[in-house]
Protein backbone atom coordinates (compact mmCIF):
# COMPACT_ATOMS: atom_id res chain seq x y z
CA MET A 1 41.36 12.44 -40.63
CA THR A 2 37.69 12.40 -41.13
CA ASP A 3 35.78 11.39 -37.38
CA THR A 4 33.15 8.78 -38.19
CA THR A 5 32.34 8.33 -34.72
CA LYS A 6 27.94 8.44 -35.20
CA PRO A 7 25.92 9.17 -32.48
CA THR A 8 24.42 6.60 -30.44
CA PRO A 9 20.87 6.05 -31.14
CA PRO A 10 18.52 6.52 -28.68
CA THR A 11 17.36 3.46 -26.47
CA ASP A 12 13.71 2.24 -27.39
CA GLY A 13 11.23 3.81 -25.38
CA ARG A 14 8.34 2.08 -26.75
CA HIS A 15 7.00 0.25 -24.07
CA ASP A 16 7.79 2.76 -21.59
CA PHE A 17 5.04 3.49 -20.45
CA ASP A 18 3.32 -0.57 -21.02
CA PHE A 19 2.32 -0.34 -16.81
CA ILE A 20 -0.08 2.04 -17.26
CA HIS A 21 -2.29 -0.34 -19.86
CA GLY A 22 -5.35 -1.07 -18.35
CA ARG A 23 -8.19 -0.18 -15.21
CA TRP A 24 -7.17 1.91 -12.19
CA ARG A 25 -8.36 3.24 -9.77
CA VAL A 26 -6.85 7.04 -8.64
CA GLN A 27 -6.89 9.07 -5.84
CA ASN A 28 -6.11 12.84 -6.77
CA GLU A 29 -4.39 15.09 -4.79
CA ARG A 30 -5.25 18.71 -6.24
CA LEU A 31 -3.99 22.40 -5.09
CA ARG A 32 -6.85 24.25 -4.99
CA GLU A 33 -4.81 27.16 -5.96
CA ARG A 34 -1.86 27.64 -7.36
CA LEU A 35 1.35 29.64 -7.94
CA VAL A 36 -0.33 31.65 -4.64
CA GLY A 37 1.36 29.70 -1.65
CA SER A 38 -1.92 27.40 -0.81
CA THR A 39 -1.54 24.32 0.96
CA ASP A 40 -5.15 23.74 1.14
CA TRP A 41 -5.62 20.61 -1.44
CA ASP A 42 -8.55 18.89 -2.89
CA VAL A 43 -9.09 14.77 -2.53
CA PHE A 44 -10.96 12.69 -4.93
CA ASP A 45 -11.54 9.87 -6.68
CA ALA A 46 -11.28 8.93 -10.38
CA THR A 47 -11.48 5.56 -12.93
CA ASP A 48 -8.93 5.58 -15.50
CA GLU A 49 -8.78 2.87 -18.26
CA CYS A 50 -5.40 3.12 -20.98
CA ARG A 51 -4.86 1.18 -23.94
CA PRO A 52 -1.97 1.03 -26.45
CA VAL A 53 -2.89 2.85 -30.37
CA LEU A 54 -0.79 2.87 -33.07
CA ASP A 55 0.66 -0.78 -32.88
CA GLY A 56 2.13 0.15 -29.76
CA ALA A 57 3.70 3.51 -30.83
CA GLY A 58 1.38 5.47 -28.50
CA ASN A 59 -1.59 5.11 -25.84
CA LEU A 60 -5.16 6.71 -25.00
CA GLU A 61 -5.49 6.93 -21.62
CA GLU A 62 -9.63 8.42 -20.59
CA PHE A 63 -9.86 9.45 -16.89
CA HIS A 64 -13.13 10.56 -15.12
CA THR A 65 -14.40 11.59 -11.82
CA ALA A 66 -17.46 13.38 -10.03
CA TRP A 67 -15.26 15.49 -8.64
CA ASN A 68 -16.13 19.25 -9.38
CA GLY A 69 -19.73 18.54 -11.02
CA GLY A 70 -18.01 15.83 -13.54
CA PHE A 71 -14.50 16.02 -14.94
CA GLU A 72 -13.64 14.07 -17.84
CA GLY A 73 -9.98 13.67 -19.64
CA ILE A 74 -7.86 12.22 -22.06
CA ALA A 75 -4.28 12.03 -22.78
CA LEU A 76 -3.04 10.50 -25.79
CA ARG A 77 1.12 9.77 -25.40
CA LEU A 78 2.99 8.84 -28.87
CA TYR A 79 6.10 8.02 -29.28
CA ASP A 80 8.93 9.53 -31.66
CA VAL A 81 11.18 6.85 -32.60
CA ASP A 82 13.95 8.85 -34.25
CA SER A 83 14.07 11.19 -31.09
CA GLY A 84 13.93 9.11 -28.40
CA VAL A 85 11.33 11.23 -27.17
CA TRP A 86 7.34 10.56 -25.71
CA ARG A 87 4.99 13.41 -26.19
CA ILE A 88 1.96 13.70 -23.94
CA HIS A 89 -1.41 16.06 -25.44
CA TRP A 90 -3.94 16.07 -22.44
CA ALA A 91 -7.04 17.73 -23.40
CA SER A 92 -10.65 17.57 -20.96
CA ASN A 93 -14.55 18.09 -21.29
CA ARG A 94 -13.53 21.88 -19.72
CA SER A 95 -11.71 22.85 -22.97
CA GLY A 96 -12.58 20.69 -25.80
CA ALA A 97 -8.99 21.47 -26.87
CA LEU A 98 -5.62 20.13 -26.84
CA ASP A 99 -3.02 21.49 -23.89
CA PRO A 100 0.35 22.44 -25.18
CA PRO A 101 2.23 18.83 -25.40
CA VAL A 102 4.63 17.99 -22.69
CA SER A 103 7.66 15.81 -24.16
CA GLY A 104 10.28 13.65 -22.49
CA ARG A 105 11.59 9.76 -21.72
CA PHE A 106 12.00 7.73 -18.49
CA GLU A 107 15.57 7.05 -17.33
CA ASP A 108 15.75 5.10 -14.31
CA GLY A 109 12.50 4.10 -14.25
CA VAL A 110 10.74 7.82 -13.81
CA GLY A 111 9.94 9.51 -16.68
CA THR A 112 10.22 13.43 -16.63
CA PHE A 113 8.61 15.68 -19.23
CA TYR A 114 8.59 19.18 -19.73
CA GLY A 115 6.35 21.59 -21.59
CA SER A 116 5.25 25.57 -21.52
CA ASP A 117 1.56 26.92 -21.08
CA GLN A 118 -0.13 29.71 -19.43
CA HIS A 119 -1.47 29.82 -15.98
CA ALA A 120 -4.37 32.68 -14.80
CA GLY A 121 -2.94 34.35 -17.85
CA ARG A 122 1.03 34.01 -17.43
CA PRO A 123 3.61 32.04 -18.93
CA VAL A 124 4.45 28.35 -16.63
CA ARG A 125 6.94 25.84 -17.37
CA VAL A 126 5.04 22.38 -16.50
CA ARG A 127 6.81 18.97 -15.32
CA PHE A 128 5.10 15.96 -15.09
CA LEU A 129 6.89 13.27 -13.08
CA TRP A 130 5.53 9.36 -13.64
CA SER A 131 7.15 6.59 -12.00
CA ARG A 132 5.80 3.34 -11.46
CA THR A 133 5.97 2.15 -7.48
CA SER A 134 4.62 -1.85 -8.51
CA ALA A 135 3.27 -4.23 -11.07
CA ASN A 136 0.04 -2.66 -9.88
CA SER A 137 0.47 0.99 -8.91
CA ALA A 138 1.79 3.83 -10.42
CA HIS A 139 2.47 7.79 -9.63
CA TRP A 140 1.59 10.77 -11.67
CA GLN A 141 2.29 14.55 -10.43
CA GLN A 142 1.98 18.16 -12.19
CA ALA A 143 4.46 21.33 -11.10
CA PHE A 144 4.38 24.38 -12.89
CA SER A 145 7.23 26.86 -12.25
CA ILE A 146 7.36 30.71 -12.97
CA ASP A 147 11.23 31.31 -13.02
CA GLY A 148 12.25 29.02 -15.78
CA GLY A 149 12.75 26.16 -13.76
CA ALA A 150 14.58 27.26 -10.47
CA SER A 151 11.93 26.15 -8.72
CA TRP A 152 8.87 23.92 -9.14
CA GLU A 153 5.55 24.21 -7.27
CA THR A 154 3.60 20.80 -7.33
CA ASN A 155 -0.30 20.85 -7.73
CA TRP A 156 -1.44 17.72 -9.01
CA HIS A 157 -0.66 14.26 -7.74
CA MET A 158 -2.40 11.09 -8.99
CA TRP A 159 -1.83 7.77 -7.08
CA PHE A 160 -2.73 4.74 -9.92
CA ARG A 161 -4.15 1.32 -8.33
CA ARG A 162 -4.72 -1.07 -10.27
CA VAL A 163 -8.41 -2.97 -10.86
CA ASP A 164 -9.90 -6.07 -11.24
CA GLU A 165 -12.81 -7.29 -13.83
CA HIS A 166 -14.84 -6.41 -10.42
CA GLY A 167 -13.25 -3.07 -9.86
CA ARG A 168 -11.32 -4.21 -6.74
CA LEU A 169 -7.86 -2.83 -6.16
CA ARG A 170 -5.13 -5.77 -6.82
CA HIS A 171 -2.46 -6.04 -4.07
CA ASP A 172 1.33 -7.76 -3.95
CA ASP A 173 2.11 -7.88 -0.35
CA ALA A 174 5.61 -9.10 -0.10
CA VAL A 175 6.54 -6.61 2.96
CA LEU A 176 3.86 -7.16 6.15
CA GLU A 177 3.76 -4.90 9.00
CA LEU A 178 1.92 -6.09 11.98
CA ARG A 179 0.87 -3.04 14.45
CA GLN A 180 0.04 -2.71 17.81
CA TYR A 181 -0.57 0.27 19.23
CA THR A 182 -1.07 1.40 22.66
CA LEU A 183 -3.71 3.88 23.48
CA GLN A 184 -5.52 6.33 25.55
CA PRO A 185 -7.69 4.20 28.19
CA GLY A 186 -11.43 4.68 26.44
CA GLN A 187 -9.80 5.63 23.09
CA ARG A 188 -10.27 2.36 21.08
CA ASP A 189 -13.05 3.26 19.88
CA VAL A 190 -12.38 6.51 18.79
CA LEU A 191 -9.28 5.80 16.78
CA ILE A 192 -11.23 2.68 15.01
CA ASP A 193 -14.20 5.12 14.29
CA LEU A 194 -11.70 8.09 12.07
CA PHE A 195 -9.46 4.71 10.95
CA GLU A 196 -11.93 3.51 9.07
CA ARG A 197 -13.57 6.67 7.77
CA GLU A 198 -10.60 8.35 6.72
CA PHE A 199 -7.33 6.15 6.49
CA ILE A 200 -8.56 2.67 5.18
CA GLU A 201 -8.79 4.27 1.16
CA THR A 202 -6.57 6.70 1.04
CA GLN A 203 -3.48 4.63 2.93
CA GLU A 204 -4.58 1.95 -0.24
CA ALA A 205 -4.76 4.80 -2.87
CA VAL A 206 -1.21 5.69 -2.42
CA GLY A 207 0.00 1.81 -2.76
CA MET A 208 -0.67 0.53 0.81
CA HIS A 209 -3.09 -2.90 1.72
CA VAL A 210 -5.11 -2.42 4.65
CA ILE A 211 -5.50 -5.87 5.42
CA GLY A 212 -7.15 -6.69 8.67
CA HIS A 213 -7.68 -4.19 12.35
CA PHE A 214 -8.38 -5.44 15.61
CA ARG A 215 -9.72 -5.05 18.70
CA ASP A 216 -7.23 -7.14 21.45
CA LEU A 217 -10.17 -9.18 23.47
CA ASP A 218 -7.40 -9.31 26.27
CA ALA A 219 -5.88 -5.53 26.07
CA PRO A 220 -8.94 -3.10 26.09
CA ASP A 221 -6.74 -0.49 25.16
CA ARG A 222 -4.59 -1.99 22.20
CA TYR A 223 -5.71 -1.95 18.82
CA VAL A 224 -4.08 -3.94 16.03
CA TRP A 225 -3.64 -4.31 12.49
CA LEU A 226 -1.92 -5.20 9.08
CA ARG A 227 -0.97 -3.26 5.89
CA GLY A 228 1.33 -4.74 2.99
CA PHE A 229 3.43 -3.36 0.62
CA PRO A 230 5.02 -4.58 -2.30
CA SER A 231 8.07 -3.97 -1.91
CA MET A 232 10.07 -2.40 0.55
CA GLU A 233 10.91 1.01 -1.50
CA ALA A 234 7.46 0.87 -2.46
CA ARG A 235 6.64 1.04 1.26
CA ARG A 236 8.95 4.26 1.48
CA GLU A 237 7.25 5.74 -1.46
CA ALA A 238 3.65 5.10 -0.37
CA LEU A 239 4.45 5.84 3.97
CA GLN A 240 5.77 9.25 2.79
CA ALA A 241 3.24 10.27 0.30
CA PHE A 242 0.50 9.17 2.81
CA TYR A 243 2.38 10.76 6.29
CA PHE A 244 3.11 14.11 4.20
CA GLY A 245 -0.32 14.06 2.18
CA PRO A 246 -3.35 16.47 3.22
CA VAL A 247 -5.11 13.67 4.87
CA TRP A 248 -3.11 12.80 7.12
CA GLN A 249 -2.05 16.35 7.76
CA ARG A 250 -5.82 16.98 8.44
CA HIS A 251 -6.24 14.43 10.99
CA ARG A 252 -3.03 13.26 12.26
CA ASP A 253 -3.78 15.63 15.52
CA ALA A 254 -7.00 13.45 16.44
CA ALA A 255 -5.48 10.51 15.88
CA ASN A 256 -1.99 11.31 17.77
CA ALA A 257 -4.61 12.23 20.74
CA THR A 258 -5.67 8.89 21.09
CA MET A 259 -2.22 6.79 21.19
CA VAL A 260 0.04 5.99 24.42
CA ASP A 261 2.90 4.15 21.70
CA SER A 262 2.62 2.90 17.92
CA ASP A 263 6.42 1.49 17.82
CA ASN A 264 5.54 -1.86 18.17
CA VAL A 265 5.54 -3.15 14.69
CA LEU A 266 7.21 -5.78 13.18
CA LEU A 267 8.17 -6.29 9.98
CA LEU A 268 7.52 -9.27 7.93
CA ARG A 269 7.87 -11.62 4.95
CA PRO A 270 5.87 -14.59 4.33
CA ALA A 271 7.91 -17.05 5.26
CA HIS A 272 7.86 -19.12 1.47
CA PRO A 273 5.93 -18.32 -1.31
CA ALA A 274 2.89 -19.61 -0.34
CA SER A 275 3.04 -19.02 3.09
CA GLY A 276 0.85 -14.75 2.66
CA LEU A 277 -2.36 -14.05 3.18
CA ALA A 278 -4.63 -15.00 -0.22
CA PRO A 279 -6.65 -11.95 -1.67
CA ALA A 280 -10.15 -11.56 0.05
CA SER A 281 -12.82 -13.39 -1.47
CA MET A 282 -15.38 -10.56 -0.82
CA PRO A 283 -15.23 -6.73 -1.48
CA ARG A 284 -14.58 -4.80 1.85
CA PRO A 285 -17.76 -3.65 4.15
CA ALA A 286 -19.02 -0.29 3.64
CA ILE A 287 -18.69 2.41 6.53
CA GLY A 288 -21.52 1.59 8.63
CA THR A 289 -21.72 -2.29 8.35
CA ALA A 290 -22.32 -4.28 11.10
CA LEU A 291 -19.83 -6.04 13.31
CA PRO A 292 -18.82 -9.48 11.82
CA ALA A 293 -18.69 -12.83 13.54
CA GLY A 294 -15.33 -14.00 13.26
CA ALA A 295 -12.17 -14.03 14.85
CA VAL A 296 -8.72 -14.21 14.10
CA CYS A 297 -5.90 -15.68 16.30
CA ILE A 298 -1.89 -14.40 15.64
CA GLY A 299 0.88 -16.15 17.20
CA THR A 300 4.13 -14.68 17.76
CA CYS A 301 7.31 -16.77 18.01
CA ALA A 302 10.78 -15.23 19.49
CA LEU A 303 13.69 -17.11 17.56
CA ARG A 304 17.01 -17.65 18.80
CA ALA A 305 18.10 -17.86 14.79
CA PRO A 306 16.26 -16.82 11.98
CA ALA A 307 13.09 -18.82 10.94
CA ALA A 308 14.35 -20.26 8.16
CA GLU A 309 17.33 -22.28 10.34
CA GLY A 310 14.96 -24.54 11.26
CA PHE A 311 11.85 -23.27 13.34
CA THR A 312 9.76 -22.97 9.59
CA ALA A 313 10.27 -26.71 9.24
CA ARG A 314 9.15 -27.38 12.47
CA PHE A 315 6.13 -25.27 12.52
CA GLU A 316 4.85 -27.40 9.15
CA GLN A 317 5.45 -30.52 9.95
CA GLN A 318 4.78 -30.11 13.84
CA LEU A 319 2.77 -27.73 15.08
CA ALA A 320 0.78 -26.67 12.47
CA PRO A 321 -1.35 -29.70 12.11
CA LEU A 322 -2.18 -29.67 15.44
CA LEU A 323 -3.39 -26.40 15.33
CA ARG A 324 -5.57 -27.66 12.35
CA GLN A 325 -6.10 -30.51 14.81
CA HIS A 326 -7.89 -28.43 17.59
CA GLY A 327 -9.81 -26.38 14.93
CA ALA A 328 -7.36 -23.18 13.37
CA ASP A 329 -7.57 -22.52 10.04
CA VAL A 330 -4.01 -21.78 9.46
CA ILE A 331 -4.54 -19.23 6.70
CA ALA A 332 -0.66 -17.62 6.85
CA ARG A 333 3.00 -17.78 8.31
CA TYR A 334 5.17 -14.98 8.04
CA GLU A 335 8.88 -14.71 9.34
CA THR A 336 11.04 -11.41 10.07
CA ASP A 337 12.38 -9.21 7.13
CA GLY A 338 15.88 -7.89 7.95
CA SER A 339 15.61 -5.24 5.94
CA ALA A 340 17.04 -1.71 6.67
CA ASN A 341 13.83 0.45 7.83
CA THR A 342 13.00 2.58 4.84
CA PHE A 343 10.92 4.94 6.71
CA PRO A 344 12.80 5.70 9.63
CA ARG A 345 10.06 8.36 10.83
CA LEU A 346 8.13 5.17 11.52
CA PRO A 347 10.00 3.03 13.74
CA VAL A 348 9.81 -0.86 13.59
CA ARG A 349 11.22 -3.38 15.95
CA GLU A 350 15.11 -4.57 14.78
CA GLY A 351 17.19 -7.04 16.06
CA GLU A 352 14.77 -10.10 16.59
CA CYS A 353 13.83 -12.95 14.65
CA VAL A 354 10.08 -14.35 14.69
CA PHE A 355 8.21 -16.32 13.34
CA VAL A 356 4.09 -15.51 13.49
CA TRP A 357 1.28 -17.43 11.79
CA VAL A 358 -2.70 -16.41 11.62
CA ALA A 359 -4.99 -18.25 12.23
CA ARG A 360 -8.81 -17.51 11.32
CA PHE A 361 -12.38 -18.82 13.12
CA ALA A 362 -16.01 -18.90 13.01
CA ASP A 363 -16.56 -16.88 15.94
CA MET A 364 -14.82 -16.26 19.59
CA ALA A 365 -16.60 -19.43 20.72
CA ALA A 366 -15.13 -21.18 18.17
CA LEU A 367 -11.50 -19.11 19.09
CA ASP A 368 -11.60 -19.56 23.04
CA ALA A 369 -12.80 -23.62 22.10
CA HIS A 370 -9.31 -23.68 20.37
CA LEU A 371 -7.24 -22.25 22.90
CA ALA A 372 -8.23 -24.37 25.51
CA THR A 373 -7.98 -27.55 24.01
CA LEU A 374 -4.76 -26.54 22.37
CA GLN A 375 -3.75 -26.06 26.11
CA GLY A 376 -4.88 -29.28 27.00
CA SER A 377 -3.17 -31.35 24.55
CA ALA A 378 -0.16 -33.54 25.91
CA ARG A 379 0.99 -33.51 22.14
CA TRP A 380 1.12 -30.12 21.82
CA GLN A 381 2.82 -29.34 25.02
CA GLU A 382 5.41 -31.87 24.00
CA ALA A 383 6.28 -30.33 20.48
CA LEU A 384 6.49 -26.86 21.90
CA ALA A 385 8.57 -28.36 24.38
CA ALA A 386 10.61 -29.52 22.07
CA ALA A 387 10.88 -26.18 20.30
CA MET A 388 12.12 -24.11 23.64
CA ARG A 389 14.71 -26.61 23.34
CA GLU A 390 15.68 -25.56 19.81
CA GLU A 391 14.52 -22.70 18.39
CA LEU A 392 12.00 -20.58 20.72
CA LEU A 393 13.15 -18.00 23.60
CA GLN A 394 9.63 -17.90 25.14
CA ALA A 395 6.41 -19.87 24.58
CA PRO A 396 4.10 -18.21 21.68
CA GLU A 397 2.33 -15.12 22.80
CA LEU A 398 -0.96 -15.47 21.21
CA LEU A 399 -3.65 -12.58 20.31
CA ARG A 400 -6.97 -12.91 20.53
CA LEU A 401 -8.66 -10.44 18.35
CA ALA A 402 -12.28 -9.77 16.89
CA PRO A 403 -12.16 -7.95 13.67
CA THR A 404 -13.86 -4.54 13.42
CA ALA A 405 -16.89 -3.70 11.26
CA ARG A 406 -14.69 -2.71 7.72
CA SER A 407 -11.41 -5.22 8.38
CA GLU A 408 -10.87 -7.29 5.38
CA LEU A 409 -9.93 -9.95 7.13
CA ARG A 410 -12.52 -11.16 9.15
């Protein structure tokens, strides 16, 4: 009998690279010397823009950086419909010629592409890996092998962050960390200086959003900060990229030397779809900016049960109106995210139910006036007592916070 079974046609992958269309800011981590056991990396910024060509059957990407005297490159990606394979061609201003292409496809959200080339006069296998970590971030890495693919040395990472028409990063903060660090006496300003110089842009480059960082006015050795992530999986990838990357490795000893405890961390999500922090209206201040006049209060409520079972509604209907009546600009509300910690190397507080609100004030005098009138309000005390009987384990913890010079939230 004749076998009439036809080969299964490849899945149509013409849209696999649609995620890279648009404008990007790119952090590069490039190994200075390849295939010699080096662990010394250059870290530099670039801009990137990609557009579709050939009615979607390909795309053209342009890469620009001032690093190393100025470097420009283009990637031309073409999709072979018959074979279901992408071929990627690269050229730079250093050679003016197309490198040998790499080819491959996407499976389970990861694109793997192989090719052959030469490095320092000897043949190498080349591997590109592409992954999309969120709507506004992506990751590319290049590796070489000199043993036919038995082992690989990664020599270049590109961390892509999408930018808007004004060149500002776009963020998706579905997951939030509220981090409170206890520091060695007198070391808070040391950490703040290091953090604002080395750890803001480099964390954001690999997929995080450094939202706000503050001096706690009631605890001189406490540093409080907030960072956001698009998802728990994106959090895992971003934290792994940063804490195993060259910037943290270079500065971790100096940072850790300032700390007594960094494990007081709440993992949060917006209490309802419209309750997260809104995007910043102004660009992040530059290094050397004077301290802002604003003040922030973060209220944390320890609950007997998840906030959605009653406390969120109580807060919106009874407590939030009183906070606003006494001068608070309540800008966000969050509840516990009970997901498993996707990066156990950094512990979080588990087994707790909390509700957190964030309020902004024009200055510290306005915050202190708010707290004074709130504590003297009979209606507030009555509403709080009712919540204590039903949902609260204790009175809310209120943090009086002064934004540091480069805090986005101020």
